Amino acid sequence: MDGTFARFNIKPIVCTVLPPESGGWFRREVNTVEDLKGLRMRFMGIGAKVISRLGVETVALNGGDTFQALQTGSIDAAEFSLPFVDVRYGFDKAASHYYFPGWHQQSSLITMLINTKVWEGMTDAQRATINNACGDNIRESLAEGEVQQVQALQEIRQRGVKVHTLPKPVIDALKSSWIQVVKEESAANPEFKKVWESFHGFRKSYAEWRGLGYLP
């Protein structure tokens, strides 16, 4: 991250970590990969490239336009945010099927960006203060974020929404599509390739400890 932002004379400091997002709001159930074909779905970023390979027509919409588009039926589904946020936008009034997991966004890093010259001009104490404050905020956001989703899901169910887990064949198809998109992006963008290889390499090496140290 430091290397990427250094080209723009920016020092990045991760200051908040948000929980996973949902897999999306749907106006009808998704039981098979075939059910995705032909759907118009609000989706952004690399996730849009992935799911479009499964026959979904992705639509880039601003956050403020998404609810109305879903409610009026101009789109059939929408990826938006996590339960705590989604419930406040009232998506239960536009769709009755809420899917998990958020395969495309398992966390969000909210990052403070500081001009490099400003950062370098600070005293050690000033830099330590910022790092410590962001560290505290990360710990707070991790704890608070987990609790908030539990409460939000309870409220969503009370409003009559059916909360689903995406079927395994759909998850498997998304994974296969994801791998192909990553290969293409890596071939086209050296910086993407560097980031992906670092992330993927760590995840592979971490798998042993995850399997040994944590309950399944």
Protein backbone atom coordinates (compact mmCIF):
# COMPACT_ATOMS: atom_id res chain seq x y z
CA MET A 1 0.00 0.00 0.00
CA ASP A 2 2.82 2.38 0.88
CA GLY A 3 4.49 1.67 -2.45
CA THR A 4 1.31 2.22 -4.44
CA PHE A 5 0.47 5.56 -2.86
CA ALA A 6 4.07 6.83 -2.82
CA ARG A 7 3.78 7.59 -6.54
CA PHE A 8 1.17 10.20 -5.65
CA ASN A 9 3.12 11.64 -2.70
CA ILE A 10 0.63 10.18 -0.23
CA LYS A 11 1.15 8.31 3.02
CA PRO A 12 -1.79 5.91 3.63
CA ILE A 13 -2.81 4.78 7.11
CA VAL A 14 -5.62 2.25 7.55
CA CYS A 15 -7.92 3.73 10.18
CA THR A 16 -11.13 1.63 10.10
CA VAL A 17 -12.06 -1.92 9.09
CA LEU A 18 -15.67 -2.61 8.13
CA PRO A 19 -17.31 -6.08 8.21
CA PRO A 20 -18.20 -8.07 5.08
CA GLU A 21 -20.89 -6.75 2.78
CA SER A 22 -23.88 -8.79 1.69
CA GLY A 23 -24.10 -10.69 -1.56
CA GLY A 24 -26.98 -8.46 -2.58
CA TRP A 25 -30.71 -7.77 -2.53
CA PHE A 26 -32.81 -9.71 -5.04
CA ARG A 27 -36.43 -9.37 -6.07
CA ARG A 28 -36.63 -13.13 -6.59
CA GLU A 29 -34.82 -16.18 -5.26
CA VAL A 30 -31.54 -17.44 -6.66
CA ASN A 31 -31.30 -21.22 -6.49
CA THR A 32 -29.03 -21.98 -9.44
CA VAL A 33 -26.47 -20.28 -11.66
CA GLU A 34 -29.16 -20.22 -14.37
CA ASP A 35 -31.27 -17.96 -12.14
CA LEU A 36 -28.62 -15.25 -12.48
CA LYS A 37 -28.73 -15.11 -16.25
CA GLY A 38 -30.48 -12.06 -17.59
CA LEU A 39 -30.72 -10.27 -14.25
CA ARG A 40 -30.04 -6.54 -14.22
CA MET A 41 -28.00 -5.91 -11.09
CA ARG A 42 -26.35 -2.89 -9.57
CA PHE A 43 -22.71 -3.89 -9.12
CA MET A 44 -19.42 -2.03 -9.09
CA GLY A 45 -15.72 -2.69 -9.57
CA ILE A 46 -14.05 -6.02 -10.19
CA GLY A 47 -17.05 -7.82 -8.70
CA ALA A 48 -19.11 -6.55 -11.64
CA LYS A 49 -16.66 -8.13 -14.09
CA VAL A 50 -16.88 -11.40 -12.19
CA ILE A 51 -20.64 -11.72 -11.95
CA SER A 52 -21.24 -10.49 -15.51
CA ARG A 53 -19.49 -13.67 -16.71
CA LEU A 54 -22.40 -15.60 -15.23
CA GLY A 55 -24.90 -13.80 -17.44
CA VAL A 56 -25.75 -10.87 -15.16
CA GLU A 57 -26.16 -7.48 -16.79
CA THR A 58 -24.38 -5.16 -14.35
CA VAL A 59 -25.48 -1.57 -13.93
CA ALA A 60 -23.32 1.14 -12.36
CA LEU A 61 -25.56 3.29 -10.18
CA ASN A 62 -24.82 5.92 -7.57
CA GLY A 63 -25.78 4.93 -4.05
CA GLY A 64 -28.62 7.43 -3.94
CA ASP A 65 -30.21 6.04 -7.11
CA THR A 66 -30.02 2.36 -6.20
CA PHE A 67 -33.06 2.03 -3.94
CA GLN A 68 -35.46 3.67 -6.39
CA ALA A 69 -34.15 1.60 -9.30
CA LEU A 70 -34.68 -1.60 -7.34
CA GLN A 71 -38.09 -0.55 -6.04
CA THR A 72 -39.40 0.36 -9.49
CA GLY A 73 -38.03 -2.79 -11.08
CA SER A 74 -35.62 -1.07 -13.46
CA ILE A 75 -33.04 -3.40 -11.90
CA ASP A 76 -33.68 -6.88 -10.50
CA ALA A 77 -31.02 -6.95 -7.82
CA ALA A 78 -28.48 -4.73 -6.11
CA GLU A 79 -25.21 -5.09 -4.28
CA PHE A 80 -25.01 -2.23 -1.83
CA SER A 81 -23.46 -2.48 1.64
CA LEU A 82 -23.61 -4.40 4.90
CA PRO A 83 -26.79 -5.07 6.93
CA PHE A 84 -26.34 -2.13 9.33
CA VAL A 85 -26.27 0.26 6.37
CA ASP A 86 -28.76 -1.54 4.12
CA VAL A 87 -31.52 -1.57 6.73
CA ARG A 88 -31.26 2.19 7.09
CA TYR A 89 -31.73 2.66 3.37
CA GLY A 90 -34.95 0.63 3.55
CA PHE A 91 -34.02 -1.96 0.95
CA ASP A 92 -36.57 -4.32 2.50
CA LYS A 93 -39.23 -2.16 0.83
CA ALA A 94 -37.71 -2.87 -2.59
CA ALA A 95 -36.70 -6.56 -2.42
CA SER A 96 -37.53 -9.48 -0.16
CA HIS A 97 -34.49 -11.74 -0.67
CA TYR A 98 -31.17 -10.89 0.98
CA TYR A 99 -28.16 -13.04 0.09
CA PHE A 100 -24.84 -13.81 1.75
CA PRO A 101 -21.87 -14.05 1.78
CA GLY A 102 -20.48 -10.86 0.30
CA TRP A 103 -18.02 -12.80 -1.84
CA HIS A 104 -16.80 -9.63 -3.57
CA GLN A 105 -16.03 -7.55 -0.46
CA GLN A 106 -15.14 -9.42 2.69
CA SER A 107 -13.93 -6.24 4.37
CA SER A 108 -13.49 -2.56 3.63
CA LEU A 109 -10.44 -0.60 4.72
CA ILE A 110 -11.13 3.07 5.41
CA THR A 111 -7.81 4.80 4.94
CA MET A 112 -6.47 8.17 6.05
CA LEU A 113 -4.43 9.84 3.30
CA ILE A 114 -1.72 12.30 4.30
CA ASN A 115 0.53 14.32 2.01
CA THR A 116 3.99 12.72 2.19
CA LYS A 117 5.77 16.00 2.87
CA VAL A 118 3.36 16.78 5.70
CA TRP A 119 3.87 13.29 7.14
CA GLU A 120 7.65 13.55 6.93
CA GLY A 121 7.51 17.00 8.53
CA MET A 122 5.76 15.70 11.63
CA THR A 123 7.57 14.80 14.80
CA ASP A 124 7.85 11.19 15.89
CA ALA A 125 5.33 11.94 18.62
CA GLN A 126 2.82 13.36 16.14
CA ARG A 127 3.12 10.34 13.82
CA ALA A 128 2.79 7.99 16.79
CA THR A 129 -0.36 9.82 17.91
CA ILE A 130 -1.99 9.33 14.50
CA ASN A 131 -0.95 5.67 14.31
CA ASN A 132 -2.22 4.99 17.82
CA ALA A 133 -5.54 6.76 17.18
CA CYS A 134 -6.09 4.76 13.98
CA GLY A 135 -5.15 1.55 15.76
CA ASP A 136 -7.71 2.23 18.47
CA ASN A 137 -10.31 3.06 15.84
CA ILE A 138 -9.64 -0.24 14.02
CA ARG A 139 -10.16 -2.20 17.22
CA GLU A 140 -13.35 -0.27 17.96
CA SER A 141 -14.71 -0.70 14.44
CA LEU A 142 -14.02 -4.44 14.48
CA ALA A 143 -15.89 -4.92 17.75
CA GLU A 144 -18.76 -2.53 17.07
CA GLY A 145 -19.17 -3.65 13.46
CA GLU A 146 -19.78 -7.27 14.42
CA VAL A 147 -22.44 -6.39 16.98
CA GLN A 148 -24.21 -3.97 14.64
CA GLN A 149 -24.73 -6.62 11.96
CA VAL A 150 -26.44 -9.00 14.39
CA GLN A 151 -28.94 -6.35 15.40
CA ALA A 152 -29.50 -5.24 11.81
CA LEU A 153 -30.19 -8.79 10.59
CA GLN A 154 -32.77 -9.24 13.34
CA GLU A 155 -34.52 -6.07 12.22
CA ILE A 156 -34.37 -7.09 8.55
CA ARG A 157 -36.00 -10.45 9.31
CA GLN A 158 -38.69 -8.74 11.38
CA ARG A 159 -39.56 -6.74 8.29
CA GLY A 160 -40.36 -9.94 6.42
CA VAL A 161 -37.16 -10.34 4.42
CA LYS A 162 -35.85 -13.85 3.73
CA VAL A 163 -32.12 -14.08 4.48
CA HIS A 164 -30.37 -16.66 2.30
CA THR A 165 -26.96 -18.19 1.76
CA LEU A 166 -25.92 -18.36 -1.88
CA PRO A 167 -26.05 -22.01 -3.04
CA LYS A 168 -22.69 -23.76 -3.33
CA PRO A 169 -22.91 -24.14 -7.14
CA VAL A 170 -23.34 -20.36 -7.40
CA ILE A 171 -20.39 -19.73 -5.07
CA ASP A 172 -18.28 -22.20 -7.06
CA ALA A 173 -19.20 -20.48 -10.33
CA LEU A 174 -18.35 -17.08 -8.88
CA LYS A 175 -14.99 -18.41 -7.68
CA SER A 176 -14.19 -19.80 -11.11
CA SER A 177 -15.15 -16.51 -12.74
CA TRP A 178 -13.11 -14.60 -10.15
CA ILE A 179 -9.98 -16.60 -10.96
CA GLN A 180 -10.34 -15.83 -14.66
CA VAL A 181 -10.86 -12.11 -14.03
CA VAL A 182 -7.83 -12.00 -11.73
CA LYS A 183 -5.68 -13.63 -14.41
CA GLU A 184 -6.79 -11.08 -16.98
CA GLU A 185 -6.31 -8.13 -14.64
CA SER A 186 -2.87 -9.40 -13.61
CA ALA A 187 -1.81 -9.73 -17.23
CA ALA A 188 -2.99 -6.22 -18.04
CA ASN A 189 -1.80 -4.42 -14.90
CA PRO A 190 1.59 -5.12 -13.26
CA GLU A 191 0.56 -3.30 -10.09
CA PHE A 192 -2.61 -5.38 -9.77
CA LYS A 193 -0.50 -8.50 -10.26
CA LYS A 194 1.90 -7.45 -7.50
CA VAL A 195 -0.91 -6.79 -5.03
CA TRP A 196 -2.78 -9.98 -5.91
CA GLU A 197 0.30 -12.19 -5.62
CA SER A 198 1.12 -10.69 -2.21
CA PHE A 199 -2.44 -11.17 -0.96
CA HIS A 200 -2.95 -14.61 -2.45
CA GLY A 201 0.45 -15.82 -1.26
CA PHE A 202 -0.28 -14.79 2.30
CA ARG A 203 -3.72 -16.38 2.23
CA LYS A 204 -2.27 -19.70 1.08
CA SER A 205 0.41 -19.69 3.79
CA TYR A 206 -2.13 -18.62 6.43
CA ALA A 207 -4.48 -21.49 5.57
CA GLU A 208 -2.54 -24.01 7.69
CA TRP A 209 -2.69 -21.85 10.82
CA ARG A 210 -6.35 -21.04 10.24
CA GLY A 211 -7.14 -24.74 10.00
CA LEU A 212 -5.12 -25.64 13.09
CA GLY A 213 -5.85 -22.74 15.35
CA TYR A 214 -9.56 -22.03 14.86
CA LEU A 215 -12.73 -24.05 15.16
CA PRO A 216 -14.36 -24.77 11.77
